[in-house]
């Protein structure tokens, strides 16, 4: 089983539950329609990684506030990269087929370590992604169409979130293709205070 680090311990999520189209400006940059209900898809444990890998076909990065679950509630936050084979995803969508080949492949859910947070902090969270020293993405909970607690409740209507499962809450605008040796720096802030930072070098 693939693992993440939460509170300095290795734990294994059974699954990663992802929210699509949760920031209006990201919806617009991909020329998608604003959904009438929450867009939810899943990645298996085999998608979890701490390394940012460059595949044989180009992938796009999507930076996301990600939460680890304990006892059905948000217990910690980490920086996540939802990797997407965009051209393949577009082909599958055009045919009315599922996205798994473009979204749930091995290594497609890249995570920092996770840090414990209190519930009252959740609405104050924001993220920043720098690529080769340039700010590529930034977003915050306030910009989300569906807020984290609402997401947890909706997932619970059809699927049980087990301890150590991860919920990825969608990406702001600024997604793009990355290349070998690109340097990624992800930051999570609570208000103006940085609470987590993680660096990856694409390989």
N, C-alpha and C. Protein backbone atom coordinates (compact mmCIF):
# COMPACT_ATOMS: atom_id res chain seq x y z
N UNK A 1 0.83 -1.21 0.00
CA UNK A 1 0.00 0.00 0.00
C UNK A 1 0.87 1.26 0.00
N UNK A 2 0.47 2.23 -0.81
CA UNK A 2 1.17 3.51 -0.83
C UNK A 2 0.76 4.31 0.41
N UNK A 3 1.70 5.11 0.93
CA UNK A 3 1.45 5.81 2.18
C UNK A 3 1.72 7.31 2.05
N UNK A 4 1.18 8.05 3.02
CA UNK A 4 1.47 9.46 3.20
C UNK A 4 2.00 9.66 4.61
N UNK A 5 2.50 10.84 4.89
CA UNK A 5 2.96 11.16 6.25
C UNK A 5 1.98 12.12 6.89
N UNK A 6 1.41 11.72 8.02
CA UNK A 6 0.51 12.56 8.80
C UNK A 6 0.95 12.53 10.25
N UNK A 7 1.21 13.68 10.80
CA UNK A 7 1.70 13.80 12.18
C UNK A 7 2.95 12.93 12.39
N UNK A 8 3.83 12.97 11.39
CA UNK A 8 5.12 12.27 11.43
C UNK A 8 4.99 10.75 11.48
N UNK A 9 3.84 10.23 11.06
CA UNK A 9 3.65 8.79 10.97
C UNK A 9 3.20 8.41 9.57
N UNK A 10 3.60 7.23 9.13
CA UNK A 10 3.17 6.72 7.84
C UNK A 10 1.78 6.09 7.97
N UNK A 11 0.87 6.54 7.11
CA UNK A 11 -0.48 5.96 7.08
C UNK A 11 -0.86 5.72 5.62
N UNK A 12 -1.75 4.76 5.39
CA UNK A 12 -2.13 4.36 4.03
C UNK A 12 -3.59 4.71 3.75
N UNK A 13 -3.85 5.64 2.85
CA UNK A 13 -5.24 5.92 2.46
C UNK A 13 -5.78 4.80 1.57
N UNK A 14 -7.01 4.42 1.81
CA UNK A 14 -7.60 3.39 0.94
C UNK A 14 -7.97 3.97 -0.42
N UNK A 15 -8.21 5.29 -0.45
CA UNK A 15 -8.61 5.95 -1.69
C UNK A 15 -8.39 7.45 -1.57
N UNK A 16 -8.41 8.10 -2.72
CA UNK A 16 -8.36 9.55 -2.80
C UNK A 16 -9.64 10.00 -3.52
N UNK A 17 -10.43 10.83 -2.85
CA UNK A 17 -11.67 11.33 -3.46
C UNK A 17 -11.43 12.77 -3.91
N UNK A 18 -11.73 13.03 -5.17
CA UNK A 18 -11.37 14.31 -5.80
C UNK A 18 -12.62 15.07 -6.24
N UNK A 19 -12.53 16.39 -6.14
CA UNK A 19 -13.61 17.27 -6.59
C UNK A 19 -13.15 18.01 -7.83
N UNK A 20 -13.94 17.95 -8.88
CA UNK A 20 -13.63 18.67 -10.11
C UNK A 20 -14.45 19.94 -10.23
N UNK A 21 -13.93 20.88 -10.99
CA UNK A 21 -14.66 22.12 -11.31
C UNK A 21 -15.17 22.83 -10.06
N UNK A 22 -14.25 23.12 -9.14
CA UNK A 22 -14.66 23.74 -7.89
C UNK A 22 -14.22 25.20 -7.78
N UNK A 23 -13.53 25.70 -8.80
CA UNK A 23 -13.14 27.11 -8.87
C UNK A 23 -13.60 27.67 -10.21
N UNK A 24 -14.37 28.74 -10.20
CA UNK A 24 -14.98 29.28 -11.42
C UNK A 24 -13.93 29.63 -12.47
N UNK A 25 -12.83 30.27 -12.08
CA UNK A 25 -11.84 30.69 -13.07
C UNK A 25 -11.14 29.49 -13.72
N UNK A 26 -11.00 28.39 -12.99
CA UNK A 26 -10.44 27.18 -13.60
C UNK A 26 -11.43 26.57 -14.59
N UNK A 27 -12.71 26.60 -14.24
CA UNK A 27 -13.74 26.12 -15.17
C UNK A 27 -13.66 26.91 -16.47
N UNK A 28 -13.50 28.22 -16.36
CA UNK A 28 -13.45 29.08 -17.54
C UNK A 28 -12.21 28.83 -18.38
N UNK A 29 -11.05 28.59 -17.73
CA UNK A 29 -9.83 28.41 -18.51
C UNK A 29 -9.86 27.12 -19.33
N UNK A 30 -10.65 26.15 -18.92
CA UNK A 30 -10.79 24.91 -19.67
C UNK A 30 -12.04 24.88 -20.54
N UNK A 31 -12.76 26.01 -20.57
CA UNK A 31 -13.99 26.12 -21.37
C UNK A 31 -15.02 25.06 -21.00
N UNK A 32 -15.13 24.78 -19.72
CA UNK A 32 -16.13 23.83 -19.24
C UNK A 32 -17.35 24.59 -18.72
N UNK A 33 -18.43 23.86 -18.53
CA UNK A 33 -19.64 24.44 -17.96
C UNK A 33 -19.58 24.36 -16.43
N UNK A 34 -20.15 25.36 -15.78
CA UNK A 34 -20.26 25.31 -14.32
C UNK A 34 -21.23 24.18 -13.97
N UNK A 35 -20.82 23.23 -13.14
CA UNK A 35 -21.68 22.07 -12.86
C UNK A 35 -22.89 22.45 -12.02
N UNK A 36 -23.98 21.73 -12.26
CA UNK A 36 -25.19 21.95 -11.47
C UNK A 36 -25.15 21.19 -10.15
N UNK A 37 -24.21 20.25 -10.03
CA UNK A 37 -23.99 19.52 -8.79
C UNK A 37 -22.51 19.18 -8.68
N UNK A 38 -22.10 18.72 -7.53
CA UNK A 38 -20.69 18.47 -7.26
C UNK A 38 -20.12 17.38 -8.18
N UNK A 39 -18.97 17.66 -8.80
CA UNK A 39 -18.29 16.68 -9.64
C UNK A 39 -17.31 15.91 -8.77
N UNK A 40 -17.50 14.60 -8.67
CA UNK A 40 -16.68 13.78 -7.78
C UNK A 40 -16.12 12.59 -8.56
N UNK A 41 -14.83 12.34 -8.38
CA UNK A 41 -14.22 11.14 -8.95
C UNK A 41 -13.18 10.62 -7.96
N UNK A 42 -12.69 9.42 -8.20
CA UNK A 42 -11.77 8.81 -7.23
C UNK A 42 -10.49 8.35 -7.90
N UNK A 43 -9.43 8.31 -7.08
CA UNK A 43 -8.16 7.73 -7.47
C UNK A 43 -7.86 6.60 -6.49
N UNK A 44 -7.27 5.51 -6.95
CA UNK A 44 -6.96 4.39 -6.05
C UNK A 44 -5.70 4.65 -5.25
N UNK A 45 -5.43 3.79 -4.28
CA UNK A 45 -4.22 3.90 -3.48
C UNK A 45 -2.97 3.90 -4.35
N UNK A 46 -2.98 3.17 -5.45
CA UNK A 46 -1.80 3.09 -6.32
C UNK A 46 -1.45 4.41 -6.99
N UNK A 47 -2.37 5.37 -6.95
CA UNK A 47 -2.08 6.69 -7.54
C UNK A 47 -1.26 7.57 -6.61
N UNK A 48 -1.20 7.22 -5.33
CA UNK A 48 -0.55 8.06 -4.32
C UNK A 48 0.97 8.04 -4.50
N UNK A 49 1.59 9.22 -4.42
CA UNK A 49 3.04 9.32 -4.60
C UNK A 49 3.58 10.52 -3.84
N UNK A 50 4.86 10.46 -3.49
CA UNK A 50 5.57 11.63 -2.96
C UNK A 50 6.49 12.22 -4.01
N UNK A 51 6.59 11.57 -5.16
CA UNK A 51 7.47 12.00 -6.24
C UNK A 51 6.66 12.54 -7.41
N UNK A 52 7.18 13.60 -8.04
CA UNK A 52 6.55 14.20 -9.22
C UNK A 52 7.26 13.65 -10.44
N UNK A 53 6.60 12.75 -11.14
CA UNK A 53 7.22 12.05 -12.26
C UNK A 53 6.71 12.58 -13.60
N UNK A 54 7.59 12.53 -14.58
CA UNK A 54 7.23 12.91 -15.95
C UNK A 54 6.98 11.63 -16.73
N UNK A 55 5.78 11.48 -17.26
CA UNK A 55 5.42 10.26 -17.98
C UNK A 55 5.82 10.31 -19.44
N UNK A 56 5.47 9.25 -20.15
CA UNK A 56 5.78 9.16 -21.57
C UNK A 56 4.93 10.13 -22.39
N UNK A 57 3.74 10.45 -21.88
CA UNK A 57 2.89 11.45 -22.52
C UNK A 57 2.72 12.63 -21.57
N UNK A 58 2.56 13.85 -22.09
CA UNK A 58 2.51 15.03 -21.23
C UNK A 58 1.34 14.98 -20.25
N UNK A 59 1.61 15.43 -19.03
CA UNK A 59 0.57 15.58 -18.02
C UNK A 59 0.53 17.03 -17.56
N UNK A 60 -0.63 17.44 -17.07
CA UNK A 60 -0.77 18.77 -16.49
C UNK A 60 -0.85 18.65 -14.97
N UNK A 61 -0.32 19.65 -14.29
CA UNK A 61 -0.41 19.74 -12.83
C UNK A 61 -1.67 20.49 -12.44
N UNK A 62 -2.26 20.12 -11.32
CA UNK A 62 -3.38 20.84 -10.72
C UNK A 62 -3.13 20.87 -9.21
N UNK A 63 -2.79 22.02 -8.67
CA UNK A 63 -2.52 22.16 -7.23
C UNK A 63 -3.83 22.20 -6.45
N UNK A 64 -3.87 21.46 -5.33
CA UNK A 64 -5.12 21.36 -4.58
C UNK A 64 -4.89 21.30 -3.07
N UNK A 65 -5.74 22.00 -2.33
CA UNK A 65 -5.82 21.79 -0.90
C UNK A 65 -6.37 20.39 -0.67
N UNK A 66 -5.64 19.60 0.10
CA UNK A 66 -6.00 18.20 0.30
C UNK A 66 -6.12 17.91 1.80
N UNK A 67 -7.10 17.10 2.15
CA UNK A 67 -7.38 16.83 3.56
C UNK A 67 -7.34 15.34 3.85
N UNK A 68 -6.77 14.99 5.00
CA UNK A 68 -6.77 13.61 5.46
C UNK A 68 -7.90 13.47 6.49
N UNK A 69 -8.56 12.33 6.44
CA UNK A 69 -9.77 12.10 7.23
C UNK A 69 -9.50 11.17 8.40
N UNK A 70 -10.07 11.49 9.57
CA UNK A 70 -10.07 10.62 10.75
C UNK A 70 -11.47 10.66 11.35
N UNK A 71 -12.03 9.48 11.60
CA UNK A 71 -13.36 9.37 12.23
C UNK A 71 -14.41 10.18 11.44
N UNK A 72 -14.28 10.17 10.12
CA UNK A 72 -15.25 10.82 9.26
C UNK A 72 -15.12 12.33 9.17
N UNK A 73 -14.08 12.90 9.79
CA UNK A 73 -13.91 14.35 9.80
C UNK A 73 -12.53 14.74 9.29
N UNK A 74 -12.40 16.00 8.88
CA UNK A 74 -11.12 16.53 8.46
C UNK A 74 -10.18 16.60 9.67
N UNK A 75 -9.01 15.99 9.54
CA UNK A 75 -8.05 15.97 10.65
C UNK A 75 -6.75 16.69 10.31
N UNK A 76 -6.41 16.75 9.02
CA UNK A 76 -5.15 17.37 8.62
C UNK A 76 -5.21 17.87 7.20
N UNK A 77 -4.25 18.73 6.86
CA UNK A 77 -4.20 19.31 5.52
C UNK A 77 -2.82 19.08 4.92
N UNK A 78 -2.80 18.87 3.61
CA UNK A 78 -1.56 18.73 2.87
C UNK A 78 -1.69 19.38 1.51
N UNK A 79 -0.56 19.53 0.84
CA UNK A 79 -0.54 20.10 -0.51
C UNK A 79 -0.58 18.94 -1.50
N UNK A 80 -1.53 18.96 -2.42
CA UNK A 80 -1.66 17.89 -3.39
C UNK A 80 -1.53 18.37 -4.82
N UNK A 81 -1.01 17.50 -5.67
CA UNK A 81 -0.96 17.73 -7.11
C UNK A 81 -1.76 16.63 -7.79
N UNK A 82 -2.86 17.02 -8.40
CA UNK A 82 -3.68 16.10 -9.19
C UNK A 82 -3.15 16.15 -10.61
N UNK A 83 -2.44 15.09 -11.03
CA UNK A 83 -1.87 15.06 -12.37
C UNK A 83 -2.89 14.52 -13.36
N UNK A 84 -2.95 15.16 -14.51
CA UNK A 84 -4.00 14.87 -15.49
C UNK A 84 -3.42 14.77 -16.89
N UNK A 85 -3.73 13.68 -17.57
CA UNK A 85 -3.41 13.57 -19.00
C UNK A 85 -4.54 14.24 -19.77
N UNK A 86 -4.38 15.55 -20.01
CA UNK A 86 -5.49 16.39 -20.47
C UNK A 86 -6.01 15.97 -21.84
N UNK A 87 -5.12 15.69 -22.80
CA UNK A 87 -5.59 15.31 -24.13
C UNK A 87 -6.40 14.02 -24.08
N UNK A 88 -5.91 13.06 -23.31
CA UNK A 88 -6.64 11.80 -23.17
C UNK A 88 -7.96 12.02 -22.47
N UNK A 89 -7.97 12.87 -21.45
CA UNK A 89 -9.22 13.17 -20.75
C UNK A 89 -10.25 13.76 -21.71
N UNK A 90 -9.81 14.69 -22.56
CA UNK A 90 -10.72 15.32 -23.52
C UNK A 90 -11.28 14.30 -24.50
N UNK A 91 -10.43 13.37 -24.95
CA UNK A 91 -10.89 12.32 -25.86
C UNK A 91 -11.94 11.44 -25.19
N UNK A 92 -11.69 11.06 -23.95
CA UNK A 92 -12.62 10.19 -23.23
C UNK A 92 -13.95 10.91 -22.98
N UNK A 93 -13.88 12.18 -22.58
CA UNK A 93 -15.10 12.94 -22.33
C UNK A 93 -15.93 13.08 -23.60
N UNK A 94 -15.25 13.30 -24.73
CA UNK A 94 -15.96 13.46 -26.00
C UNK A 94 -16.73 12.20 -26.39
N UNK A 95 -16.23 11.05 -25.95
CA UNK A 95 -16.87 9.77 -26.25
C UNK A 95 -17.84 9.33 -25.15
N UNK A 96 -17.97 10.16 -24.11
CA UNK A 96 -18.85 9.82 -23.00
C UNK A 96 -18.32 8.71 -22.13
N UNK A 97 -16.98 8.56 -22.11
CA UNK A 97 -16.36 7.48 -21.35
C UNK A 97 -15.79 7.99 -20.03
N UNK A 98 -15.56 7.11 -19.05
CA UNK A 98 -14.98 7.53 -17.76
C UNK A 98 -13.58 8.09 -17.93
N UNK A 99 -13.12 8.82 -16.90
CA UNK A 99 -11.83 9.53 -16.95
C UNK A 99 -10.67 8.74 -16.38
N UNK A 100 -10.87 7.55 -15.86
CA UNK A 100 -9.83 6.90 -15.05
C UNK A 100 -8.46 6.84 -15.73
N UNK A 101 -8.43 6.55 -17.00
CA UNK A 101 -7.14 6.45 -17.70
C UNK A 101 -6.36 7.76 -17.66
N UNK A 102 -7.07 8.87 -17.58
CA UNK A 102 -6.44 10.19 -17.60
C UNK A 102 -6.22 10.77 -16.21
N UNK A 103 -6.89 10.21 -15.20
CA UNK A 103 -6.86 10.80 -13.87
C UNK A 103 -6.36 9.86 -12.77
N UNK A 104 -6.53 8.56 -12.94
CA UNK A 104 -6.30 7.62 -11.85
C UNK A 104 -5.10 6.72 -12.08
N UNK A 105 -4.19 7.15 -12.94
CA UNK A 105 -3.01 6.33 -13.23
C UNK A 105 -2.02 6.36 -12.06
N UNK A 106 -1.09 5.42 -12.07
CA UNK A 106 -0.10 5.32 -11.00
C UNK A 106 0.68 6.63 -10.88
N UNK A 107 0.83 7.12 -9.65
CA UNK A 107 1.60 8.33 -9.40
C UNK A 107 0.88 9.63 -9.73
N UNK A 108 -0.42 9.58 -9.94
CA UNK A 108 -1.16 10.77 -10.37
C UNK A 108 -1.67 11.63 -9.21
N UNK A 109 -1.42 11.21 -7.98
CA UNK A 109 -1.83 11.98 -6.80
C UNK A 109 -0.59 12.20 -5.93
N UNK A 110 0.04 13.34 -6.11
CA UNK A 110 1.31 13.64 -5.44
C UNK A 110 1.04 14.49 -4.20
N UNK A 111 1.58 14.09 -3.07
CA UNK A 111 1.27 14.78 -1.83
C UNK A 111 2.52 15.16 -1.03
N UNK A 112 2.40 16.31 -0.35
CA UNK A 112 3.35 16.68 0.70
C UNK A 112 3.02 15.86 1.94
N UNK A 113 3.72 16.13 3.02
CA UNK A 113 3.28 15.62 4.31
C UNK A 113 1.98 16.34 4.70
N UNK A 114 1.26 15.78 5.65
CA UNK A 114 0.03 16.39 6.15
C UNK A 114 0.25 16.86 7.58
N UNK A 115 -0.33 18.01 7.90
CA UNK A 115 -0.22 18.54 9.26
C UNK A 115 -1.61 18.63 9.88
N UNK A 116 -1.67 18.43 11.18
CA UNK A 116 -2.94 18.47 11.90
C UNK A 116 -3.50 19.89 11.94
N UNK A 117 -4.81 20.02 11.77
CA UNK A 117 -5.47 21.32 11.86
C UNK A 117 -6.76 21.19 12.66
N UNK A 118 -7.20 22.30 13.23
CA UNK A 118 -8.49 22.37 13.90
C UNK A 118 -9.56 22.79 12.89
N UNK A 119 -10.80 22.42 13.17
CA UNK A 119 -11.88 22.70 12.22
C UNK A 119 -12.05 24.20 11.95
N UNK A 120 -11.84 25.03 12.96
CA UNK A 120 -12.08 26.46 12.78
C UNK A 120 -11.08 27.10 11.80
N UNK A 121 -9.98 26.40 11.51
CA UNK A 121 -8.95 26.94 10.61
C UNK A 121 -9.30 26.69 9.14
N UNK A 122 -10.14 25.72 8.87
CA UNK A 122 -10.35 25.26 7.50
C UNK A 122 -10.73 26.40 6.55
N UNK A 123 -11.65 27.25 6.95
CA UNK A 123 -12.12 28.32 6.06
C UNK A 123 -11.07 29.39 5.82
N UNK A 124 -9.97 29.37 6.57
CA UNK A 124 -8.90 30.37 6.42
C UNK A 124 -7.79 29.90 5.48
N UNK A 125 -7.88 28.68 4.99
CA UNK A 125 -6.77 28.09 4.24
C UNK A 125 -6.68 28.59 2.81
N UNK A 126 -5.44 28.68 2.33
CA UNK A 126 -5.17 29.02 0.94
C UNK A 126 -3.91 28.29 0.50
N UNK A 127 -3.68 28.26 -0.81
CA UNK A 127 -2.48 27.60 -1.34
C UNK A 127 -1.81 28.48 -2.37
N UNK A 128 -0.51 28.22 -2.55
CA UNK A 128 0.28 28.86 -3.60
C UNK A 128 1.18 27.80 -4.21
N UNK A 129 1.30 27.82 -5.54
CA UNK A 129 2.23 26.93 -6.24
C UNK A 129 3.17 27.77 -7.09
N UNK A 130 4.47 27.61 -6.81
CA UNK A 130 5.51 28.26 -7.59
C UNK A 130 6.20 27.20 -8.45
N UNK A 131 6.42 27.51 -9.72
CA UNK A 131 7.15 26.61 -10.61
C UNK A 131 8.35 27.36 -11.14
N UNK A 132 9.53 26.85 -10.84
CA UNK A 132 10.79 27.51 -11.21
C UNK A 132 10.82 28.96 -10.73
N UNK A 133 10.30 29.16 -9.52
CA UNK A 133 10.35 30.47 -8.88
C UNK A 133 9.25 31.43 -9.27
N UNK A 134 8.35 31.02 -10.16
CA UNK A 134 7.26 31.89 -10.64
C UNK A 134 5.93 31.39 -10.09
N UNK A 135 5.12 32.29 -9.56
CA UNK A 135 3.81 31.90 -9.04
C UNK A 135 2.92 31.43 -10.17
N UNK A 136 2.50 30.17 -10.13
CA UNK A 136 1.69 29.57 -11.19
C UNK A 136 0.22 29.45 -10.80
N UNK A 137 -0.05 29.15 -9.54
CA UNK A 137 -1.42 28.99 -9.07
C UNK A 137 -1.55 29.51 -7.65
N UNK A 138 -2.69 30.07 -7.35
CA UNK A 138 -3.04 30.41 -5.98
C UNK A 138 -4.56 30.40 -5.86
N UNK A 139 -5.04 30.00 -4.70
CA UNK A 139 -6.48 29.93 -4.47
C UNK A 139 -6.74 29.72 -2.99
N UNK A 140 -8.00 29.88 -2.61
CA UNK A 140 -8.36 29.76 -1.20
C UNK A 140 -9.74 29.14 -1.06
N UNK A 141 -10.05 28.71 0.14
CA UNK A 141 -11.33 28.08 0.42
C UNK A 141 -12.49 29.02 0.06
N UNK A 142 -12.32 30.31 0.30
CA UNK A 142 -13.38 31.27 0.03
C UNK A 142 -13.79 31.29 -1.43
N UNK A 143 -12.89 30.88 -2.35
CA UNK A 143 -13.18 30.89 -3.78
C UNK A 143 -13.88 29.62 -4.25
N UNK A 144 -13.95 28.61 -3.41
CA UNK A 144 -14.52 27.33 -3.82
C UNK A 144 -16.03 27.42 -3.98
N UNK A 145 -16.55 26.75 -5.00
CA UNK A 145 -18.00 26.64 -5.15
C UNK A 145 -18.57 25.77 -4.02
N UNK A 146 -17.85 24.71 -3.68
CA UNK A 146 -18.26 23.81 -2.60
C UNK A 146 -17.14 23.79 -1.56
N UNK A 147 -17.48 24.18 -0.34
CA UNK A 147 -16.51 24.28 0.73
C UNK A 147 -16.19 22.89 1.31
N UNK A 148 -15.03 22.76 1.98
CA UNK A 148 -14.60 21.44 2.43
C UNK A 148 -15.62 20.66 3.26
N UNK A 149 -16.27 21.29 4.22
CA UNK A 149 -17.23 20.56 5.04
C UNK A 149 -18.42 20.08 4.21
N UNK A 150 -18.83 20.90 3.25
CA UNK A 150 -19.92 20.50 2.35
C UNK A 150 -19.50 19.30 1.50
N UNK A 151 -18.24 19.31 1.07
CA UNK A 151 -17.71 18.20 0.27
C UNK A 151 -17.74 16.90 1.07
N UNK A 152 -17.28 16.95 2.32
CA UNK A 152 -17.26 15.76 3.17
C UNK A 152 -18.68 15.20 3.34
N UNK A 153 -19.63 16.09 3.55
CA UNK A 153 -21.02 15.65 3.73
C UNK A 153 -21.56 15.00 2.47
N UNK A 154 -21.27 15.57 1.31
CA UNK A 154 -21.77 15.02 0.05
C UNK A 154 -21.15 13.67 -0.25
N UNK A 155 -19.86 13.53 -0.04
CA UNK A 155 -19.22 12.23 -0.26
C UNK A 155 -19.87 11.17 0.62
N UNK A 156 -20.20 11.54 1.86
CA UNK A 156 -20.80 10.61 2.80
C UNK A 156 -22.17 10.09 2.40
N UNK A 157 -22.82 10.73 1.43
CA UNK A 157 -24.12 10.26 0.98
C UNK A 157 -24.04 9.00 0.14
N UNK A 158 -22.82 8.68 -0.34
CA UNK A 158 -22.72 7.48 -1.18
C UNK A 158 -21.47 6.64 -0.92
N UNK A 159 -20.48 7.18 -0.20
CA UNK A 159 -19.25 6.43 0.03
C UNK A 159 -18.68 6.76 1.40
N UNK A 160 -18.25 5.75 2.14
CA UNK A 160 -17.69 5.96 3.47
C UNK A 160 -16.23 6.38 3.36
N UNK A 161 -15.91 7.49 4.01
CA UNK A 161 -14.53 7.93 4.11
C UNK A 161 -13.88 7.23 5.30
N UNK A 162 -12.92 6.37 5.02
CA UNK A 162 -12.23 5.62 6.06
C UNK A 162 -11.09 6.45 6.63
N UNK A 163 -10.63 6.08 7.81
CA UNK A 163 -9.47 6.76 8.39
C UNK A 163 -8.31 6.75 7.40
N UNK A 164 -7.67 7.89 7.25
CA UNK A 164 -6.49 8.13 6.40
C UNK A 164 -6.84 8.33 4.93
N UNK A 165 -8.11 8.24 4.54
CA UNK A 165 -8.49 8.60 3.18
C UNK A 165 -8.21 10.09 2.96
N UNK A 166 -8.02 10.46 1.70
CA UNK A 166 -7.69 11.84 1.34
C UNK A 166 -8.79 12.41 0.46
N UNK A 167 -9.12 13.67 0.71
CA UNK A 167 -10.07 14.41 -0.14
C UNK A 167 -9.33 15.58 -0.77
N UNK A 168 -9.32 15.62 -2.10
CA UNK A 168 -8.73 16.74 -2.86
C UNK A 168 -9.88 17.65 -3.30
N UNK A 169 -9.73 18.95 -3.07
CA UNK A 169 -10.88 19.85 -3.15
C UNK A 169 -10.97 20.69 -4.42
N UNK A 170 -10.20 20.35 -5.45
CA UNK A 170 -10.27 21.10 -6.69
C UNK A 170 -9.12 22.07 -6.85
N UNK A 171 -8.94 22.55 -8.07
CA UNK A 171 -7.78 23.39 -8.37
C UNK A 171 -8.19 24.77 -8.88
N UNK A 172 -7.46 25.82 -8.51
CA UNK A 172 -7.71 27.14 -9.08
C UNK A 172 -7.13 27.25 -10.48
N UNK A 173 -7.30 28.40 -11.11
CA UNK A 173 -6.79 28.60 -12.47
C UNK A 173 -5.26 28.54 -12.49
N UNK A 174 -4.71 28.30 -13.67
CA UNK A 174 -3.26 28.29 -13.83
C UNK A 174 -2.66 26.94 -14.09
N UNK A 175 -3.48 25.92 -14.40
CA UNK A 175 -2.95 24.58 -14.66
C UNK A 175 -2.13 24.59 -15.95
N UNK A 176 -1.22 23.63 -16.06
CA UNK A 176 -0.41 23.57 -17.27
C UNK A 176 0.48 22.35 -17.30
N UNK A 177 1.17 22.18 -18.41
CA UNK A 177 2.08 21.05 -18.60
C UNK A 177 3.40 21.34 -17.87
N UNK A 178 4.01 20.32 -17.32
CA UNK A 178 5.30 20.46 -16.67
C UNK A 178 6.32 19.56 -17.35
N UNK A 179 7.60 19.86 -17.10
CA UNK A 179 8.68 19.15 -17.77
C UNK A 179 9.70 18.64 -16.76
N UNK A 180 10.53 17.74 -17.22
CA UNK A 180 11.58 17.19 -16.37
C UNK A 180 12.46 18.31 -15.83
N UNK A 181 12.82 18.20 -14.57
CA UNK A 181 13.67 19.15 -13.85
C UNK A 181 12.97 20.44 -13.45
N UNK A 182 11.68 20.59 -13.75
CA UNK A 182 10.94 21.74 -13.22
C UNK A 182 10.92 21.64 -11.69
N UNK A 183 11.07 22.79 -11.04
CA UNK A 183 11.08 22.83 -9.57
C UNK A 183 9.73 23.37 -9.09
N UNK A 184 9.02 22.56 -8.33
CA UNK A 184 7.72 22.93 -7.78
C UNK A 184 7.88 23.26 -6.30
N UNK A 185 7.29 24.36 -5.88
CA UNK A 185 7.23 24.71 -4.47
C UNK A 185 5.78 24.98 -4.11
N UNK A 186 5.22 24.13 -3.27
CA UNK A 186 3.84 24.30 -2.83
C UNK A 186 3.77 24.81 -1.41
N UNK A 187 2.90 25.78 -1.17
CA UNK A 187 2.73 26.35 0.17
C UNK A 187 1.26 26.35 0.55
N UNK A 188 1.00 26.10 1.83
CA UNK A 188 -0.34 26.25 2.39
C UNK A 188 -0.27 27.28 3.50
N UNK A 189 -1.23 28.20 3.48
CA UNK A 189 -1.29 29.25 4.47
C UNK A 189 -2.61 29.20 5.23
N UNK A 190 -2.56 29.58 6.49
CA UNK A 190 -3.76 29.80 7.30
C UNK A 190 -3.81 31.30 7.58
N UNK A 191 -4.70 31.99 6.88
CA UNK A 191 -4.64 33.44 6.90
C UNK A 191 -3.36 33.88 6.21
N UNK A 192 -2.51 34.61 6.91
CA UNK A 192 -1.22 35.03 6.34
C UNK A 192 -0.06 34.18 6.83
N UNK A 193 -0.34 33.19 7.66
CA UNK A 193 0.71 32.37 8.24
C UNK A 193 0.94 31.09 7.42
N UNK A 194 2.17 30.89 7.00
CA UNK A 194 2.51 29.67 6.28
C UNK A 194 2.57 28.50 7.26
N UNK A 195 1.81 27.44 6.97
CA UNK A 195 1.79 26.30 7.87
C UNK A 195 2.43 25.06 7.26
N UNK A 196 2.73 25.11 5.97
CA UNK A 196 3.33 23.95 5.30
C UNK A 196 3.97 24.40 4.00
N UNK A 197 5.10 23.81 3.67
CA UNK A 197 5.75 24.03 2.38
C UNK A 197 6.42 22.74 1.94
N UNK A 198 6.41 22.50 0.64
CA UNK A 198 7.02 21.27 0.12
C UNK A 198 7.57 21.54 -1.27
N UNK A 199 8.74 20.97 -1.56
CA UNK A 199 9.37 21.15 -2.87
C UNK A 199 9.50 19.81 -3.58
N UNK A 200 9.27 19.83 -4.88
CA UNK A 200 9.49 18.67 -5.73
C UNK A 200 10.32 19.09 -6.93
N UNK A 201 11.13 18.19 -7.41
CA UNK A 201 11.81 18.37 -8.70
C UNK A 201 11.29 17.28 -9.63
N UNK A 202 10.68 17.68 -10.73
CA UNK A 202 10.08 16.70 -11.65
C UNK A 202 11.18 15.82 -12.24
N UNK A 203 10.91 14.52 -12.21
CA UNK A 203 11.93 13.58 -12.71
C UNK A 203 11.32 12.45 -13.50
